[in-house]
C-alpha atoms as a PDB file:
ATOM      1  CA  UNK A   1     -12.025   0.256 -16.127  1.00  0.00           C
ATOM      2  CA  UNK A   2     -10.050  -0.168 -12.914  1.00  0.00           C
ATOM      3  CA  UNK A   3     -11.671  -2.996 -10.979  1.00  0.00           C
ATOM      4  CA  UNK A   4      -8.606  -4.038  -8.966  1.00  0.00           C
ATOM      5  CA  UNK A   5      -6.324  -1.390  -7.499  1.00  0.00           C
ATOM      6  CA  UNK A   6      -3.158  -1.698  -5.392  1.00  0.00           C
ATOM      7  CA  UNK A   7      -2.213   1.223  -3.144  1.00  0.00           C
ATOM      8  CA  UNK A   8       1.127   1.448  -1.352  1.00  0.00           C
ATOM      9  CA  UNK A   9       1.154   3.170   2.021  1.00  0.00           C
ATOM     10  CA  UNK A  10      -2.597   2.571   2.267  1.00  0.00           C
ATOM     11  CA  UNK A  11      -2.936   2.412   6.031  1.00  0.00           C
ATOM     12  CA  UNK A  12      -2.866   6.200   6.593  1.00  0.00           C
ATOM     13  CA  UNK A  13      -2.990   9.619   5.001  1.00  0.00           C
ATOM     14  CA  UNK A  14      -3.443   9.993   1.249  1.00  0.00           C
ATOM     15  CA  UNK A  15      -3.158   6.258   0.597  1.00  0.00           C
ATOM     16  CA  UNK A  16      -5.973   5.432   2.982  1.00  0.00           C
ATOM     17  CA  UNK A  17      -8.130   8.240   1.614  1.00  0.00           C
ATOM     18  CA  UNK A  18      -7.516   7.050  -1.951  1.00  0.00           C
ATOM     19  CA  UNK A  19      -8.579   3.549  -0.870  1.00  0.00           C
ATOM     20  CA  UNK A  20     -11.767   4.934   0.677  1.00  0.00           C
ATOM     21  CA  UNK A  21     -12.709   7.009  -2.333  1.00  0.00           C
ATOM     22  CA  UNK A  22     -11.945   4.275  -4.852  1.00  0.00           C
ATOM     23  CA  UNK A  23     -13.973   1.756  -2.853  1.00  0.00           C
ATOM     24  CA  UNK A  24     -16.990   4.004  -3.265  1.00  0.00           C
ATOM     25  CA  UNK A  25     -16.776   3.813  -7.063  1.00  0.00           C
ATOM     26  CA  UNK A  26     -19.185   1.273  -8.511  1.00  0.00           C
ATOM     27  CA  UNK A  27     -16.578  -0.316 -10.794  1.00  0.00           C
ATOM     28  CA  UNK A  28     -14.044  -0.994  -8.012  1.00  0.00           C
ATOM     29  CA  UNK A  29     -14.151  -4.668  -7.021  1.00  0.00           C
ATOM     30  CA  UNK A  30     -10.895  -4.940  -5.015  1.00  0.00           C
ATOM     31  CA  UNK A  31      -8.542  -2.554  -3.245  1.00  0.00           C
ATOM     32  CA  UNK A  32      -5.227  -4.020  -2.147  1.00  0.00           C
ATOM     33  CA  UNK A  33      -3.733  -2.238   0.850  1.00  0.00           C
ATOM     34  CA  UNK A  34       0.034  -2.633   0.439  1.00  0.00           C
ATOM     35  CA  UNK A  35       1.465  -1.801   3.876  1.00  0.00           C
ATOM     36  CA  UNK A  36       4.577  -2.476   5.969  1.00  0.00           C
ATOM     37  CA  UNK A  37       2.837  -3.178   9.263  1.00  0.00           C
ATOM     38  CA  UNK A  38       0.221  -5.934   9.666  1.00  0.00           C
ATOM     39  CA  UNK A  39      -1.502  -4.414  12.711  1.00  0.00           C
ATOM     40  CA  UNK A  40      -1.793  -0.966  11.114  1.00  0.00           C
ATOM     41  CA  UNK A  41      -3.016  -2.513   7.868  1.00  0.00           C
ATOM     42  CA  UNK A  42      -5.691  -4.511   9.689  1.00  0.00           C
ATOM     43  CA  UNK A  43      -6.832  -1.413  11.598  1.00  0.00           C
ATOM     44  CA  UNK A  44      -7.030   0.553   8.339  1.00  0.00           C
ATOM     45  CA  UNK A  45      -8.978  -2.259   6.649  1.00  0.00           C
ATOM     46  CA  UNK A  46     -11.475  -2.393   9.500  1.00  0.00           C
ATOM     47  CA  UNK A  47     -11.913   1.385   9.433  1.00  0.00           C
ATOM     48  CA  UNK A  48     -12.287   1.466   5.638  1.00  0.00           C
ATOM     49  CA  UNK A  49     -14.893  -1.297   5.747  1.00  0.00           C
ATOM     50  CA  UNK A  50     -16.845   0.640   8.372  1.00  0.00           C
ATOM     51  CA  UNK A  51     -16.606   3.890   6.411  1.00  0.00           C
ATOM     52  CA  UNK A  52     -17.582   2.413   3.045  1.00  0.00           C
ATOM     53  CA  UNK A  53     -19.777  -0.520   3.999  1.00  0.00           C
ATOM     54  CA  UNK A  54     -17.760  -2.633   1.546  1.00  0.00           C
ATOM     55  CA  UNK A  55     -15.709  -5.791   2.082  1.00  0.00           C
ATOM     56  CA  UNK A  56     -13.415  -5.401  -0.921  1.00  0.00           C
ATOM     57  CA  UNK A  57     -10.150  -4.632   0.870  1.00  0.00           C
ATOM     58  CA  UNK A  58      -7.225  -7.060   0.914  1.00  0.00           C
ATOM     59  CA  UNK A  59      -3.924  -6.674   2.729  1.00  0.00           C
ATOM     60  CA  UNK A  60      -0.489  -7.374   1.295  1.00  0.00           C
ATOM     61  CA  UNK A  61       2.471  -6.775   3.576  1.00  0.00           C
ATOM     62  CA  UNK A  62       5.687  -5.441   2.090  1.00  0.00           C
ATOM     63  CA  UNK A  63       8.275  -2.711   2.450  1.00  0.00           C
ATOM     64  CA  UNK A  64       8.709  -0.641  -0.716  1.00  0.00           C
ATOM     65  CA  UNK A  65      12.252   0.291   0.301  1.00  0.00           C
ATOM     66  CA  UNK A  66      13.318  -3.381   0.197  1.00  0.00           C
ATOM     67  CA  UNK A  67      13.231  -4.977  -3.269  1.00  0.00           C
ATOM     68  CA  UNK A  68      13.151  -8.514  -1.865  1.00  0.00           C
ATOM     69  CA  UNK A  69      10.196  -7.613   0.356  1.00  0.00           C
ATOM     70  CA  UNK A  70       8.390  -6.208  -2.682  1.00  0.00           C
ATOM     71  CA  UNK A  71       9.132  -9.337  -4.730  1.00  0.00           C
ATOM     72  CA  UNK A  72       7.852 -11.594  -1.948  1.00  0.00           C
ATOM     73  CA  UNK A  73       4.718  -9.493  -1.533  1.00  0.00           C
ATOM     74  CA  UNK A  74       3.969  -9.413  -5.256  1.00  0.00           C
ATOM     75  CA  UNK A  75       4.217 -13.207  -5.426  1.00  0.00           C
ATOM     76  CA  UNK A  76       1.220 -13.356  -3.066  1.00  0.00           C
ATOM     77  CA  UNK A  77      -0.977 -11.452  -5.519  1.00  0.00           C
ATOM     78  CA  UNK A  78      -2.589 -14.098  -7.699  1.00  0.00           C
ATOM     79  CA  UNK A  79      -4.979 -12.014  -9.811  1.00  0.00           C
ATOM     80  CA  UNK A  80      -4.255  -9.168 -12.251  1.00  0.00           C
ATOM     81  CA  UNK A  81      -4.207  -5.598 -10.992  1.00  0.00           C
ATOM     82  CA  UNK A  82      -5.691  -2.886 -13.177  1.00  0.00           C
ATOM     83  CA  UNK A  83      -3.998   0.079 -11.490  1.00  0.00           C
ATOM     84  CA  UNK A  84      -1.377   0.893  -8.879  1.00  0.00           C
ATOM     85  CA  UNK A  85      -1.150   4.032  -6.790  1.00  0.00           C
ATOM     86  CA  UNK A  86       2.438   4.361  -5.602  1.00  0.00           C
ATOM     87  CA  UNK A  87       1.803   6.487  -2.560  1.00  0.00           C
ATOM     88  CA  UNK A  88       4.306   5.182   0.004  1.00  0.00           C
ATOM     89  CA  UNK A  89       7.039   7.619   0.840  1.00  0.00           C
ATOM     90  CA  UNK A  90       9.020   9.278   3.538  1.00  0.00           C
ATOM     91  CA  UNK A  91      10.409  12.604   4.563  1.00  0.00           C
ATOM     92  CA  UNK A  92      13.852  13.781   5.597  1.00  0.00           C
ATOM     93  CA  UNK A  93      14.317  13.458   9.306  1.00  0.00           C
ATOM     94  CA  UNK A  94      16.474  11.548  11.740  1.00  0.00           C
ATOM     95  CA  UNK A  95      16.786   8.651   9.282  1.00  0.00           C
ATOM     96  CA  UNK A  96      17.945  10.700   6.268  1.00  0.00           C
ATOM     97  CA  UNK A  97      21.348   8.990   6.181  1.00  0.00           C
ATOM     98  CA  UNK A  98      20.114   5.403   6.620  1.00  0.00           C
ATOM     99  CA  UNK A  99      20.873   2.923   3.871  1.00  0.00           C
ATOM    100  CA  UNK A 100      19.014  -0.157   2.650  1.00  0.00           C
ATOM    101  CA  UNK A 101      20.682  -3.581   2.707  1.00  0.00           C
ATOM    102  CA  UNK A 102      21.430  -3.149  -0.988  1.00  0.00           C
ATOM    103  CA  UNK A 103      23.302   0.121  -0.339  1.00  0.00           C
ATOM    104  CA  UNK A 104      20.695   2.639  -1.506  1.00  0.00           C
ATOM    105  CA  UNK A 105      19.637   5.640   0.535  1.00  0.00           C
ATOM    106  CA  UNK A 106      16.536   4.520   2.479  1.00  0.00           C
ATOM    107  CA  UNK A 107      14.656   7.752   1.789  1.00  0.00           C
ATOM    108  CA  UNK A 108      15.247   7.483  -1.943  1.00  0.00           C
ATOM    109  CA  UNK A 109      14.383   3.777  -1.988  1.00  0.00           C
ATOM    110  CA  UNK A 110      11.087   4.423  -0.223  1.00  0.00           C
ATOM    111  CA  UNK A 111      10.086   7.344  -2.408  1.00  0.00           C
ATOM    112  CA  UNK A 112      11.183   5.844  -5.709  1.00  0.00           C
END
């Protein structure tokens, strides 16, 4: 049973919808919204609470394209997670050639 679920990119789109639907399942006790932007995460949390009537959402801020950001974010999670939905991603656009600090293509780092 998946009582605690982490969702990357949970402030919009498919990630937010997954958070909403999972919150409506009786067995779900916690949904962690793993997002890059605090303000967008807080807005999503407020909206999800209004839509579901549940106060089970927690925010963890991190950037999946930056391994150190992910490590720092994961250290803040003190309880076990039963499932992770790795939804965060990006599309080719004006930033297709950007690189992370570690030298990886930003698009690939975000999607992988």
